[in-house]
């Protein structure tokens, strides 16, 4: 497969109704931000046909609040120390090599260890839980593939049973996010960084930029393409009238590349400060695990920048996924070492 076709340079269109998708499409940054703040646009799954009832909406709010409380504040600070040590241990196993496959040998085992720790899952079941989470993740990556979706439903039911005693709210989605989505994002982010050598050098020289770099890489290389909503009442917004029950699709990837909001949006700029990215949402419906994801990305990025020299040109990038998201199957890199120049001759 060729290069990642996720992004292209264009001006997002005004809000419009797409008959083929049976819903409104919002792509401009200001429109998506307004929709994310609109309480009458209820978060739903891509296949949900009806507006959630008030009881379901209230339950969503409670779960979000509980998840945020469990994955924020002092707990995140304690996890940061623990996961930084795990990241260093994983990277130490690679330091004797000249080249390394950084996804399968670093990002994925790190994500699995984090998922097991956060959800307090039985580590004796680690491999099986990881396989279940992978099946669920692949359905998000390729949502039009019916066999994959059916396998994911069965996997989700089984994963839920395994994690029913977890103290973390929404432990199943949390396990998938940490063991699968996080490594996939890191793979996309690292590839973007390695393909921008000037920005990579800048980050290596200014480690204080890492928190800002994480935000820029979420904007530039984030996995989430689309969020889905159902209108609980008639709404006038984005220059259109959205009727109760209408489906609304929020195109995060387009909003994050909107030239009306971001200067040179197709360029990776780790010092960018002209507006928050939307990969983790914003406002009322922002990702409840956002603080945890940002911390983990920072921990992994610090380890990556301190040890990786450049992309290995001998291994072309192959992609996995589909219309939901795509990510490199593997990412081969050359590691920093004194005799790197001699090795490449």
C-alpha atoms as a PDB file:
ATOM      1  CA  UNK A   1       0.000   0.000   0.000  1.00  0.00           C
ATOM      2  CA  UNK A   2       1.160   3.524  -0.619  1.00  0.00           C
ATOM      3  CA  UNK A   3       1.341   6.641   1.467  1.00  0.00           C
ATOM      4  CA  UNK A   4      -1.292   7.446   4.052  1.00  0.00           C
ATOM      5  CA  UNK A   5      -4.090   9.256   2.160  1.00  0.00           C
ATOM      6  CA  UNK A   6      -5.690  10.570   5.333  1.00  0.00           C
ATOM      7  CA  UNK A   7      -5.116  14.263   4.745  1.00  0.00           C
ATOM      8  CA  UNK A   8      -5.043  16.581   1.738  1.00  0.00           C
ATOM      9  CA  UNK A   9      -4.924  20.331   1.302  1.00  0.00           C
ATOM     10  CA  UNK A  10      -8.387  21.839   0.890  1.00  0.00           C
ATOM     11  CA  UNK A  11     -10.800  24.353   2.378  1.00  0.00           C
ATOM     12  CA  UNK A  12     -13.479  22.501   4.367  1.00  0.00           C
ATOM     13  CA  UNK A  13     -16.936  23.192   2.898  1.00  0.00           C
ATOM     14  CA  UNK A  14     -19.846  24.808   4.769  1.00  0.00           C
ATOM     15  CA  UNK A  15     -22.272  22.467   6.530  1.00  0.00           C
ATOM     16  CA  UNK A  16     -24.237  20.346   4.053  1.00  0.00           C
ATOM     17  CA  UNK A  17     -26.635  17.410   4.011  1.00  0.00           C
ATOM     18  CA  UNK A  18     -25.235  14.229   2.457  1.00  0.00           C
ATOM     19  CA  UNK A  19     -28.009  11.956   1.191  1.00  0.00           C
ATOM     20  CA  UNK A  20     -25.655   9.007   0.843  1.00  0.00           C
ATOM     21  CA  UNK A  21     -24.686   9.295   4.513  1.00  0.00           C
ATOM     22  CA  UNK A  22     -28.177  10.279   5.602  1.00  0.00           C
ATOM     23  CA  UNK A  23     -26.980  13.166   7.717  1.00  0.00           C
ATOM     24  CA  UNK A  24     -25.424  16.587   8.096  1.00  0.00           C
ATOM     25  CA  UNK A  25     -21.668  16.939   7.584  1.00  0.00           C
ATOM     26  CA  UNK A  26     -19.778  19.621   9.508  1.00  0.00           C
ATOM     27  CA  UNK A  27     -16.151  20.055   8.470  1.00  0.00           C
ATOM     28  CA  UNK A  28     -15.093  23.634   9.261  1.00  0.00           C
ATOM     29  CA  UNK A  29     -13.268  24.233  12.521  1.00  0.00           C
ATOM     30  CA  UNK A  30     -15.720  26.819  13.865  1.00  0.00           C
ATOM     31  CA  UNK A  31     -18.707  24.632  12.978  1.00  0.00           C
ATOM     32  CA  UNK A  32     -17.236  21.535  14.618  1.00  0.00           C
ATOM     33  CA  UNK A  33     -16.320  23.485  17.757  1.00  0.00           C
ATOM     34  CA  UNK A  34     -19.856  24.856  17.983  1.00  0.00           C
ATOM     35  CA  UNK A  35     -21.269  21.347  17.564  1.00  0.00           C
ATOM     36  CA  UNK A  36     -18.981  19.957  20.268  1.00  0.00           C
ATOM     37  CA  UNK A  37     -20.307  22.593  22.662  1.00  0.00           C
ATOM     38  CA  UNK A  38     -23.951  22.001  21.677  1.00  0.00           C
ATOM     39  CA  UNK A  39     -25.672  19.909  24.377  1.00  0.00           C
ATOM     40  CA  UNK A  40     -28.607  19.139  22.070  1.00  0.00           C
ATOM     41  CA  UNK A  41     -26.290  17.149  19.817  1.00  0.00           C
ATOM     42  CA  UNK A  42     -26.053  13.810  21.631  1.00  0.00           C
ATOM     43  CA  UNK A  43     -23.008  11.551  21.170  1.00  0.00           C
ATOM     44  CA  UNK A  44     -23.949   8.294  19.465  1.00  0.00           C
ATOM     45  CA  UNK A  45     -22.359   5.355  17.720  1.00  0.00           C
ATOM     46  CA  UNK A  46     -21.974   5.520  13.946  1.00  0.00           C
ATOM     47  CA  UNK A  47     -24.848   3.060  13.549  1.00  0.00           C
ATOM     48  CA  UNK A  48     -27.271   4.521  16.122  1.00  0.00           C
ATOM     49  CA  UNK A  49     -30.597   5.353  14.473  1.00  0.00           C
ATOM     50  CA  UNK A  50     -32.457   7.089  17.311  1.00  0.00           C
ATOM     51  CA  UNK A  51     -31.930   9.975  19.692  1.00  0.00           C
ATOM     52  CA  UNK A  52     -30.797   8.709  23.109  1.00  0.00           C
ATOM     53  CA  UNK A  53     -33.416   9.107  25.816  1.00  0.00           C
ATOM     54  CA  UNK A  54     -32.728  11.421  28.738  1.00  0.00           C
ATOM     55  CA  UNK A  55     -31.870   8.464  30.958  1.00  0.00           C
ATOM     56  CA  UNK A  56     -29.198   7.352  28.499  1.00  0.00           C
ATOM     57  CA  UNK A  57     -27.838  10.889  28.226  1.00  0.00           C
ATOM     58  CA  UNK A  58     -27.637  11.226  32.005  1.00  0.00           C
ATOM     59  CA  UNK A  59     -25.881   7.856  32.212  1.00  0.00           C
ATOM     60  CA  UNK A  60     -23.329   9.049  29.631  1.00  0.00           C
ATOM     61  CA  UNK A  61     -22.638  12.159  31.697  1.00  0.00           C
ATOM     62  CA  UNK A  62     -22.175  10.111  34.881  1.00  0.00           C
ATOM     63  CA  UNK A  63     -19.803   7.681  33.191  1.00  0.00           C
ATOM     64  CA  UNK A  64     -17.798  10.528  31.725  1.00  0.00           C
ATOM     65  CA  UNK A  65     -17.493  12.245  35.116  1.00  0.00           C
ATOM     66  CA  UNK A  66     -16.494   8.982  36.804  1.00  0.00           C
ATOM     67  CA  UNK A  67     -13.934   8.186  34.117  1.00  0.00           C
ATOM     68  CA  UNK A  68     -12.446  11.673  34.305  1.00  0.00           C
ATOM     69  CA  UNK A  69     -12.148  11.397  38.084  1.00  0.00           C
ATOM     70  CA  UNK A  70     -10.421   8.010  37.788  1.00  0.00           C
ATOM     71  CA  UNK A  71      -7.956   9.167  35.108  1.00  0.00           C
ATOM     72  CA  UNK A  72      -6.926  12.640  36.220  1.00  0.00           C
ATOM     73  CA  UNK A  73      -5.134  14.568  38.940  1.00  0.00           C
ATOM     74  CA  UNK A  74      -2.830  12.818  41.383  1.00  0.00           C
ATOM     75  CA  UNK A  75      -3.471   9.407  39.864  1.00  0.00           C
ATOM     76  CA  UNK A  76      -2.078  10.559  36.525  1.00  0.00           C
ATOM     77  CA  UNK A  77       1.043  11.932  38.255  1.00  0.00           C
ATOM     78  CA  UNK A  78       1.631   8.594  39.964  1.00  0.00           C
ATOM     79  CA  UNK A  79       1.106   6.688  36.729  1.00  0.00           C
ATOM     80  CA  UNK A  80       3.493   9.008  34.915  1.00  0.00           C
ATOM     81  CA  UNK A  81       6.402   7.900  37.091  1.00  0.00           C
ATOM     82  CA  UNK A  82       5.465   4.236  36.743  1.00  0.00           C
ATOM     83  CA  UNK A  83       4.938   4.291  32.979  1.00  0.00           C
ATOM     84  CA  UNK A  84       8.092   6.331  32.329  1.00  0.00           C
ATOM     85  CA  UNK A  85      10.071   3.545  34.018  1.00  0.00           C
ATOM     86  CA  UNK A  86       8.319   0.893  31.905  1.00  0.00           C
ATOM     87  CA  UNK A  87       9.039   2.875  28.735  1.00  0.00           C
ATOM     88  CA  UNK A  88      12.709   3.156  29.628  1.00  0.00           C
ATOM     89  CA  UNK A  89      12.902  -0.587  30.326  1.00  0.00           C
ATOM     90  CA  UNK A  90      11.354  -1.411  26.943  1.00  0.00           C
ATOM     91  CA  UNK A  91      13.675   0.977  25.139  1.00  0.00           C
ATOM     92  CA  UNK A  92      16.708  -0.405  26.997  1.00  0.00           C
ATOM     93  CA  UNK A  93      16.061  -3.789  25.346  1.00  0.00           C
ATOM     94  CA  UNK A  94      16.491  -2.144  21.929  1.00  0.00           C
ATOM     95  CA  UNK A  95      19.556  -0.010  22.589  1.00  0.00           C
ATOM     96  CA  UNK A  96      22.016  -2.702  21.593  1.00  0.00           C
ATOM     97  CA  UNK A  97      20.536  -2.752  18.087  1.00  0.00           C
ATOM     98  CA  UNK A  98      21.261  -0.439  15.186  1.00  0.00           C
ATOM     99  CA  UNK A  99      17.763  -0.693  13.788  1.00  0.00           C
ATOM    100  CA  UNK A 100      14.507  -1.520  15.567  1.00  0.00           C
ATOM    101  CA  UNK A 101      10.852  -1.996  14.779  1.00  0.00           C
ATOM    102  CA  UNK A 102       9.463   0.598  17.161  1.00  0.00           C
ATOM    103  CA  UNK A 103       5.734  -0.223  16.989  1.00  0.00           C
ATOM    104  CA  UNK A 104       5.759  -3.942  17.804  1.00  0.00           C
ATOM    105  CA  UNK A 105       8.735  -3.749  20.157  1.00  0.00           C
ATOM    106  CA  UNK A 106       7.940  -0.543  22.015  1.00  0.00           C
ATOM    107  CA  UNK A 107       4.576   1.171  21.413  1.00  0.00           C
ATOM    108  CA  UNK A 108       2.403  -1.952  21.527  1.00  0.00           C
ATOM    109  CA  UNK A 109       3.946  -3.629  24.608  1.00  0.00           C
ATOM    110  CA  UNK A 110       3.927  -0.262  26.372  1.00  0.00           C
ATOM    111  CA  UNK A 111       0.250   0.250  25.540  1.00  0.00           C
ATOM    112  CA  UNK A 112      -0.644  -3.258  26.720  1.00  0.00           C
ATOM    113  CA  UNK A 113       1.197  -2.820  30.009  1.00  0.00           C
ATOM    114  CA  UNK A 114      -0.568   0.493  30.557  1.00  0.00           C
ATOM    115  CA  UNK A 115      -3.970  -1.035  29.766  1.00  0.00           C
ATOM    116  CA  UNK A 116      -3.401  -3.907  32.193  1.00  0.00           C
ATOM    117  CA  UNK A 117      -2.287  -1.509  34.933  1.00  0.00           C
ATOM    118  CA  UNK A 118      -5.056   1.054  34.528  1.00  0.00           C
ATOM    119  CA  UNK A 119      -7.905  -1.466  34.308  1.00  0.00           C
ATOM    120  CA  UNK A 120      -6.261  -3.848  36.817  1.00  0.00           C
ATOM    121  CA  UNK A 121      -6.886  -6.742  34.472  1.00  0.00           C
ATOM    122  CA  UNK A 122      -5.438 -10.181  35.221  1.00  0.00           C
ATOM    123  CA  UNK A 123      -1.996 -10.240  33.614  1.00  0.00           C
ATOM    124  CA  UNK A 124      -2.279 -13.989  33.161  1.00  0.00           C
ATOM    125  CA  UNK A 125      -4.869 -13.194  30.479  1.00  0.00           C
ATOM    126  CA  UNK A 126      -2.797 -10.437  28.834  1.00  0.00           C
ATOM    127  CA  UNK A 127      -2.337 -12.070  25.424  1.00  0.00           C
ATOM    128  CA  UNK A 128      -6.004 -13.038  25.105  1.00  0.00           C
ATOM    129  CA  UNK A 129      -7.259  -9.632  26.253  1.00  0.00           C
ATOM    130  CA  UNK A 130      -4.912  -7.968  23.771  1.00  0.00           C
ATOM    131  CA  UNK A 131      -6.277 -10.133  20.953  1.00  0.00           C
ATOM    132  CA  UNK A 132      -9.848  -9.212  21.883  1.00  0.00           C
ATOM    133  CA  UNK A 133      -8.960  -5.524  21.997  1.00  0.00           C
ATOM    134  CA  UNK A 134      -7.235  -5.802  18.615  1.00  0.00           C
ATOM    135  CA  UNK A 135     -10.374  -7.288  17.045  1.00  0.00           C
ATOM    136  CA  UNK A 136     -12.455  -4.419  18.435  1.00  0.00           C
ATOM    137  CA  UNK A 137      -9.973  -1.830  17.237  1.00  0.00           C
ATOM    138  CA  UNK A 138      -9.900  -3.251  13.722  1.00  0.00           C
ATOM    139  CA  UNK A 139     -13.668  -2.782  13.478  1.00  0.00           C
ATOM    140  CA  UNK A 140     -13.175   0.913  14.260  1.00  0.00           C
ATOM    141  CA  UNK A 141     -10.426   1.108  11.665  1.00  0.00           C
ATOM    142  CA  UNK A 142     -12.507  -0.633   8.992  1.00  0.00           C
ATOM    143  CA  UNK A 143     -16.175  -0.088   9.965  1.00  0.00           C
ATOM    144  CA  UNK A 144     -17.614  -1.120   6.583  1.00  0.00           C
ATOM    145  CA  UNK A 145     -16.192  -4.642   6.819  1.00  0.00           C
ATOM    146  CA  UNK A 146     -19.108  -6.749   8.050  1.00  0.00           C
ATOM    147  CA  UNK A 147     -17.114  -9.889   9.079  1.00  0.00           C
ATOM    148  CA  UNK A 148     -14.720  -7.703  11.081  1.00  0.00           C
ATOM    149  CA  UNK A 149     -17.646  -5.925  12.742  1.00  0.00           C
ATOM    150  CA  UNK A 150     -19.260  -9.223  13.724  1.00  0.00           C
ATOM    151  CA  UNK A 151     -16.004 -10.520  15.171  1.00  0.00           C
ATOM    152  CA  UNK A 152     -15.604  -7.266  17.080  1.00  0.00           C
ATOM    153  CA  UNK A 153     -19.058  -7.560  18.650  1.00  0.00           C
ATOM    154  CA  UNK A 154     -18.254 -10.996  20.025  1.00  0.00           C
ATOM    155  CA  UNK A 155     -14.845  -9.783  21.192  1.00  0.00           C
ATOM    156  CA  UNK A 156     -16.388  -6.772  22.915  1.00  0.00           C
ATOM    157  CA  UNK A 157     -18.864  -8.953  24.802  1.00  0.00           C
ATOM    158  CA  UNK A 158     -16.063 -11.226  25.972  1.00  0.00           C
ATOM    159  CA  UNK A 159     -13.760  -8.361  26.938  1.00  0.00           C
ATOM    160  CA  UNK A 160     -16.571  -6.795  28.969  1.00  0.00           C
ATOM    161  CA  UNK A 161     -17.001 -10.048  30.907  1.00  0.00           C
ATOM    162  CA  UNK A 162     -13.279 -10.270  31.630  1.00  0.00           C
ATOM    163  CA  UNK A 163     -13.175  -6.686  32.931  1.00  0.00           C
ATOM    164  CA  UNK A 164     -16.469  -6.533  34.814  1.00  0.00           C
ATOM    165  CA  UNK A 165     -14.657  -6.243  38.163  1.00  0.00           C
ATOM    166  CA  UNK A 166     -12.376  -3.408  37.013  1.00  0.00           C
ATOM    167  CA  UNK A 167     -12.576  -0.240  39.142  1.00  0.00           C
ATOM    168  CA  UNK A 168     -12.281   1.912  36.009  1.00  0.00           C
ATOM    169  CA  UNK A 169     -15.592   3.025  34.450  1.00  0.00           C
ATOM    170  CA  UNK A 170     -15.981   1.862  30.847  1.00  0.00           C
ATOM    171  CA  UNK A 171     -13.083  -0.522  31.398  1.00  0.00           C
ATOM    172  CA  UNK A 172     -13.561  -2.272  28.037  1.00  0.00           C
ATOM    173  CA  UNK A 173     -13.247   0.885  25.913  1.00  0.00           C
ATOM    174  CA  UNK A 174     -10.420   2.047  28.174  1.00  0.00           C
ATOM    175  CA  UNK A 175      -8.510  -1.193  27.593  1.00  0.00           C
ATOM    176  CA  UNK A 176      -8.950  -0.879  23.814  1.00  0.00           C
ATOM    177  CA  UNK A 177      -7.946   2.790  23.827  1.00  0.00           C
ATOM    178  CA  UNK A 178      -4.763   2.173  25.799  1.00  0.00           C
ATOM    179  CA  UNK A 179      -3.646  -1.118  24.253  1.00  0.00           C
ATOM    180  CA  UNK A 180      -4.617  -0.359  20.625  1.00  0.00           C
ATOM    181  CA  UNK A 181      -5.544   3.259  19.906  1.00  0.00           C
ATOM    182  CA  UNK A 182      -2.604   4.771  21.781  1.00  0.00           C
ATOM    183  CA  UNK A 183       0.058   2.692  19.936  1.00  0.00           C
ATOM    184  CA  UNK A 184      -1.665   3.423  16.616  1.00  0.00           C
ATOM    185  CA  UNK A 185      -1.585   7.150  17.296  1.00  0.00           C
ATOM    186  CA  UNK A 186       2.060   6.961  18.379  1.00  0.00           C
ATOM    187  CA  UNK A 187       2.946   5.161  15.136  1.00  0.00           C
ATOM    188  CA  UNK A 188       1.247   7.885  13.073  1.00  0.00           C
ATOM    189  CA  UNK A 189       2.787  10.659  15.165  1.00  0.00           C
ATOM    190  CA  UNK A 190       6.297   9.230  15.026  1.00  0.00           C
ATOM    191  CA  UNK A 191       6.105   8.732  11.279  1.00  0.00           C
ATOM    192  CA  UNK A 192       4.992  12.337  10.834  1.00  0.00           C
ATOM    193  CA  UNK A 193       7.846  13.491  13.040  1.00  0.00           C
ATOM    194  CA  UNK A 194      10.459  11.386  11.251  1.00  0.00           C
ATOM    195  CA  UNK A 195       9.262  12.770   7.917  1.00  0.00           C
ATOM    196  CA  UNK A 196       9.820  16.294   9.255  1.00  0.00           C
ATOM    197  CA  UNK A 197      13.554  16.163  10.138  1.00  0.00           C
ATOM    198  CA  UNK A 198      13.775  19.854  11.011  1.00  0.00           C
ATOM    199  CA  UNK A 199      10.939  19.573  13.511  1.00  0.00           C
ATOM    200  CA  UNK A 200      12.400  16.334  14.882  1.00  0.00           C
ATOM    201  CA  UNK A 201      15.766  18.046  15.495  1.00  0.00           C
ATOM    202  CA  UNK A 202      13.993  20.963  17.110  1.00  0.00           C
ATOM    203  CA  UNK A 203      12.193  18.665  19.530  1.00  0.00           C
ATOM    204  CA  UNK A 204      15.378  16.802  20.384  1.00  0.00           C
ATOM    205  CA  UNK A 205      17.048  20.113  21.217  1.00  0.00           C
ATOM    206  CA  UNK A 206      14.030  21.527  23.100  1.00  0.00           C
ATOM    207  CA  UNK A 207      12.458  18.785  25.171  1.00  0.00           C
ATOM    208  CA  UNK A 208      10.319  21.400  26.910  1.00  0.00           C
ATOM    209  CA  UNK A 209       8.334  21.475  23.650  1.00  0.00           C
ATOM    210  CA  UNK A 210       7.025  17.929  24.152  1.00  0.00           C
ATOM    211  CA  UNK A 211       3.615  18.897  25.648  1.00  0.00           C
ATOM    212  CA  UNK A 212       3.023  21.306  22.766  1.00  0.00           C
ATOM    213  CA  UNK A 213       4.370  18.736  20.299  1.00  0.00           C
ATOM    214  CA  UNK A 214       1.810  16.212  21.535  1.00  0.00           C
ATOM    215  CA  UNK A 215      -0.997  18.697  20.837  1.00  0.00           C
ATOM    216  CA  UNK A 216       0.336  19.472  17.365  1.00  0.00           C
ATOM    217  CA  UNK A 217       0.752  15.793  16.538  1.00  0.00           C
ATOM    218  CA  UNK A 218      -2.800  15.088  17.722  1.00  0.00           C
ATOM    219  CA  UNK A 219      -3.905  17.797  15.278  1.00  0.00           C
ATOM    220  CA  UNK A 220      -1.677  16.651  12.445  1.00  0.00           C
ATOM    221  CA  UNK A 221      -1.709  12.862  12.867  1.00  0.00           C
ATOM    222  CA  UNK A 222      -4.632  12.065  15.161  1.00  0.00           C
ATOM    223  CA  UNK A 223      -6.621   8.910  14.460  1.00  0.00           C
ATOM    224  CA  UNK A 224     -10.174  10.150  14.942  1.00  0.00           C
ATOM    225  CA  UNK A 225     -11.766  11.200  11.632  1.00  0.00           C
ATOM    226  CA  UNK A 226     -15.427  11.586  12.548  1.00  0.00           C
ATOM    227  CA  UNK A 227     -17.676  11.899  15.599  1.00  0.00           C
ATOM    228  CA  UNK A 228     -21.379  11.111  15.322  1.00  0.00           C
ATOM    229  CA  UNK A 229     -24.305  12.946  16.899  1.00  0.00           C
ATOM    230  CA  UNK A 230     -28.130  12.879  16.931  1.00  0.00           C
ATOM    231  CA  UNK A 231     -30.087  16.092  17.446  1.00  0.00           C
ATOM    232  CA  UNK A 232     -32.418  15.952  20.467  1.00  0.00           C
ATOM    233  CA  UNK A 233     -34.313  19.019  19.213  1.00  0.00           C
ATOM    234  CA  UNK A 234     -34.343  21.433  16.272  1.00  0.00           C
ATOM    235  CA  UNK A 235     -31.092  23.445  16.131  1.00  0.00           C
ATOM    236  CA  UNK A 236     -30.049  26.408  14.020  1.00  0.00           C
ATOM    237  CA  UNK A 237     -26.286  26.324  13.670  1.00  0.00           C
ATOM    238  CA  UNK A 238     -23.519  26.472  11.082  1.00  0.00           C
ATOM    239  CA  UNK A 239     -25.930  28.274   8.754  1.00  0.00           C
ATOM    240  CA  UNK A 240     -28.377  25.353   8.558  1.00  0.00           C
ATOM    241  CA  UNK A 241     -31.395  24.019  10.439  1.00  0.00           C
ATOM    242  CA  UNK A 242     -30.806  20.611  11.970  1.00  0.00           C
ATOM    243  CA  UNK A 243     -34.089  18.856  12.765  1.00  0.00           C
ATOM    244  CA  UNK A 244     -34.715  16.708  15.808  1.00  0.00           C
ATOM    245  CA  UNK A 245     -33.502  13.165  15.138  1.00  0.00           C
ATOM    246  CA  UNK A 246     -31.116  14.210  12.367  1.00  0.00           C
ATOM    247  CA  UNK A 247     -27.762  12.508  12.163  1.00  0.00           C
ATOM    248  CA  UNK A 248     -24.754  14.844  12.337  1.00  0.00           C
ATOM    249  CA  UNK A 249     -21.168  13.951  11.445  1.00  0.00           C
ATOM    250  CA  UNK A 250     -18.327  16.060  12.835  1.00  0.00           C
ATOM    251  CA  UNK A 251     -15.250  15.784  10.621  1.00  0.00           C
ATOM    252  CA  UNK A 252     -12.418  16.223  13.109  1.00  0.00           C
ATOM    253  CA  UNK A 253      -9.637  15.534  10.625  1.00  0.00           C
ATOM    254  CA  UNK A 254     -10.924  18.258   8.292  1.00  0.00           C
ATOM    255  CA  UNK A 255     -11.432  20.744  11.120  1.00  0.00           C
ATOM    256  CA  UNK A 256      -7.886  20.098  12.328  1.00  0.00           C
ATOM    257  CA  UNK A 257      -6.611  20.996   8.834  1.00  0.00           C
ATOM    258  CA  UNK A 258      -8.838  24.048   8.341  1.00  0.00           C
ATOM    259  CA  UNK A 259      -6.700  26.908   6.922  1.00  0.00           C
ATOM    260  CA  UNK A 260      -9.231  29.326   8.382  1.00  0.00           C
ATOM    261  CA  UNK A 261      -8.013  28.290  11.826  1.00  0.00           C
ATOM    262  CA  UNK A 262      -4.460  27.026  11.339  1.00  0.00           C
ATOM    263  CA  UNK A 263      -1.720  28.796   9.385  1.00  0.00           C
ATOM    264  CA  UNK A 264      -0.132  26.366   6.910  1.00  0.00           C
ATOM    265  CA  UNK A 265      -2.204  23.474   8.284  1.00  0.00           C
ATOM    266  CA  UNK A 266      -0.413  20.862   6.135  1.00  0.00           C
ATOM    267  CA  UNK A 267       2.879  21.698   7.835  1.00  0.00           C
ATOM    268  CA  UNK A 268       3.927  20.112  11.116  1.00  0.00           C
ATOM    269  CA  UNK A 269       4.850  22.969  13.474  1.00  0.00           C
ATOM    270  CA  UNK A 270       5.684  21.865  17.010  1.00  0.00           C
ATOM    271  CA  UNK A 271       5.620  25.468  18.191  1.00  0.00           C
ATOM    272  CA  UNK A 272       2.098  26.098  16.873  1.00  0.00           C
ATOM    273  CA  UNK A 273      -0.176  27.926  19.308  1.00  0.00           C
ATOM    274  CA  UNK A 274      -3.077  29.266  17.218  1.00  0.00           C
ATOM    275  CA  UNK A 275      -5.993  27.248  18.567  1.00  0.00           C
ATOM    276  CA  UNK A 276      -6.672  23.924  20.274  1.00  0.00           C
ATOM    277  CA  UNK A 277      -6.737  20.740  18.245  1.00  0.00           C
ATOM    278  CA  UNK A 278      -9.955  18.724  18.256  1.00  0.00           C
ATOM    279  CA  UNK A 279      -8.694  15.128  18.150  1.00  0.00           C
ATOM    280  CA  UNK A 280      -9.736  14.640  21.791  1.00  0.00           C
ATOM    281  CA  UNK A 281     -12.859  16.748  21.501  1.00  0.00           C
ATOM    282  CA  UNK A 282     -13.483  19.957  23.397  1.00  0.00           C
ATOM    283  CA  UNK A 283     -15.867  21.216  26.028  1.00  0.00           C
ATOM    284  CA  UNK A 284     -18.661  19.076  27.468  1.00  0.00           C
ATOM    285  CA  UNK A 285     -17.915  16.065  25.296  1.00  0.00           C
ATOM    286  CA  UNK A 286     -14.120  16.158  25.340  1.00  0.00           C
ATOM    287  CA  UNK A 287     -12.368  12.829  25.876  1.00  0.00           C
ATOM    288  CA  UNK A 288     -12.713  11.883  29.551  1.00  0.00           C
ATOM    289  CA  UNK A 289      -9.311  10.213  29.385  1.00  0.00           C
ATOM    290  CA  UNK A 290      -7.675  13.235  27.747  1.00  0.00           C
ATOM    291  CA  UNK A 291      -5.263  14.034  30.621  1.00  0.00           C
ATOM    292  CA  UNK A 292      -4.142  10.410  30.711  1.00  0.00           C
ATOM    293  CA  UNK A 293      -3.665  10.197  26.925  1.00  0.00           C
ATOM    294  CA  UNK A 294      -1.657  13.428  26.872  1.00  0.00           C
ATOM    295  CA  UNK A 295       0.572  12.224  29.698  1.00  0.00           C
ATOM    296  CA  UNK A 296       1.163   8.831  28.079  1.00  0.00           C
ATOM    297  CA  UNK A 297       1.932  10.354  24.689  1.00  0.00           C
ATOM    298  CA  UNK A 298       4.424  12.671  26.380  1.00  0.00           C
ATOM    299  CA  UNK A 299       6.125   9.780  28.194  1.00  0.00           C
ATOM    300  CA  UNK A 300       6.432   7.747  24.990  1.00  0.00           C
ATOM    301  CA  UNK A 301       7.548  10.780  22.982  1.00  0.00           C
ATOM    302  CA  UNK A 302      10.303  11.605  25.462  1.00  0.00           C
ATOM    303  CA  UNK A 303      11.680   8.074  25.206  1.00  0.00           C
ATOM    304  CA  UNK A 304      11.361   8.069  21.415  1.00  0.00           C
ATOM    305  CA  UNK A 305      13.127  11.394  20.894  1.00  0.00           C
ATOM    306  CA  UNK A 306      15.941  10.404  23.228  1.00  0.00           C
ATOM    307  CA  UNK A 307      16.741   7.178  21.404  1.00  0.00           C
ATOM    308  CA  UNK A 308      15.642   7.287  17.752  1.00  0.00           C
ATOM    309  CA  UNK A 309      17.852   8.824  15.068  1.00  0.00           C
ATOM    310  CA  UNK A 310      15.828   8.535  11.873  1.00  0.00           C
ATOM    311  CA  UNK A 311      13.502   6.415   9.755  1.00  0.00           C
ATOM    312  CA  UNK A 312      15.164   3.351   8.258  1.00  0.00           C
ATOM    313  CA  UNK A 313      14.945   3.874   4.461  1.00  0.00           C
ATOM    314  CA  UNK A 314      15.309   0.159   3.745  1.00  0.00           C
ATOM    315  CA  UNK A 315      11.787  -0.647   4.977  1.00  0.00           C
ATOM    316  CA  UNK A 316       8.828   0.874   3.090  1.00  0.00           C
ATOM    317  CA  UNK A 317       5.766   1.771   5.132  1.00  0.00           C
ATOM    318  CA  UNK A 318       2.836  -0.642   4.952  1.00  0.00           C
ATOM    319  CA  UNK A 319      -0.530   0.413   6.325  1.00  0.00           C
ATOM    320  CA  UNK A 320      -3.366  -1.355   8.099  1.00  0.00           C
ATOM    321  CA  UNK A 321      -6.929  -0.167   8.697  1.00  0.00           C
ATOM    322  CA  UNK A 322      -9.573   1.339   6.463  1.00  0.00           C
ATOM    323  CA  UNK A 323     -12.008   4.238   6.290  1.00  0.00           C
ATOM    324  CA  UNK A 324     -12.097   4.612  10.074  1.00  0.00           C
ATOM    325  CA  UNK A 325      -8.377   5.145  10.474  1.00  0.00           C
ATOM    326  CA  UNK A 326      -5.084   3.860   9.129  1.00  0.00           C
ATOM    327  CA  UNK A 327      -1.787   3.313  10.882  1.00  0.00           C
ATOM    328  CA  UNK A 328       1.582   1.768   9.974  1.00  0.00           C
ATOM    329  CA  UNK A 329       1.809  -1.985  10.485  1.00  0.00           C
ATOM    330  CA  UNK A 330       5.408  -1.485  11.571  1.00  0.00           C
ATOM    331  CA  UNK A 331       7.893   1.355  11.824  1.00  0.00           C
ATOM    332  CA  UNK A 332      11.565   0.551  11.368  1.00  0.00           C
ATOM    333  CA  UNK A 333      13.984   3.153  12.702  1.00  0.00           C
ATOM    334  CA  UNK A 334      17.718   3.601  13.178  1.00  0.00           C
ATOM    335  CA  UNK A 335      18.657   4.181  16.796  1.00  0.00           C
ATOM    336  CA  UNK A 336      21.072   6.807  18.061  1.00  0.00           C
ATOM    337  CA  UNK A 337      24.600   5.454  18.521  1.00  0.00           C
ATOM    338  CA  UNK A 338      28.163   6.692  18.008  1.00  0.00           C
ATOM    339  CA  UNK A 339      28.936   4.448  15.033  1.00  0.00           C
ATOM    340  CA  UNK A 340      25.693   5.143  13.136  1.00  0.00           C
ATOM    341  CA  UNK A 341      27.517   6.924  10.312  1.00  0.00           C
ATOM    342  CA  UNK A 342      29.908   3.985   9.829  1.00  0.00           C
ATOM    343  CA  UNK A 343      27.000   1.510   9.756  1.00  0.00           C
ATOM    344  CA  UNK A 344      25.193   3.421   6.995  1.00  0.00           C
ATOM    345  CA  UNK A 345      28.232   3.526   4.673  1.00  0.00           C
END
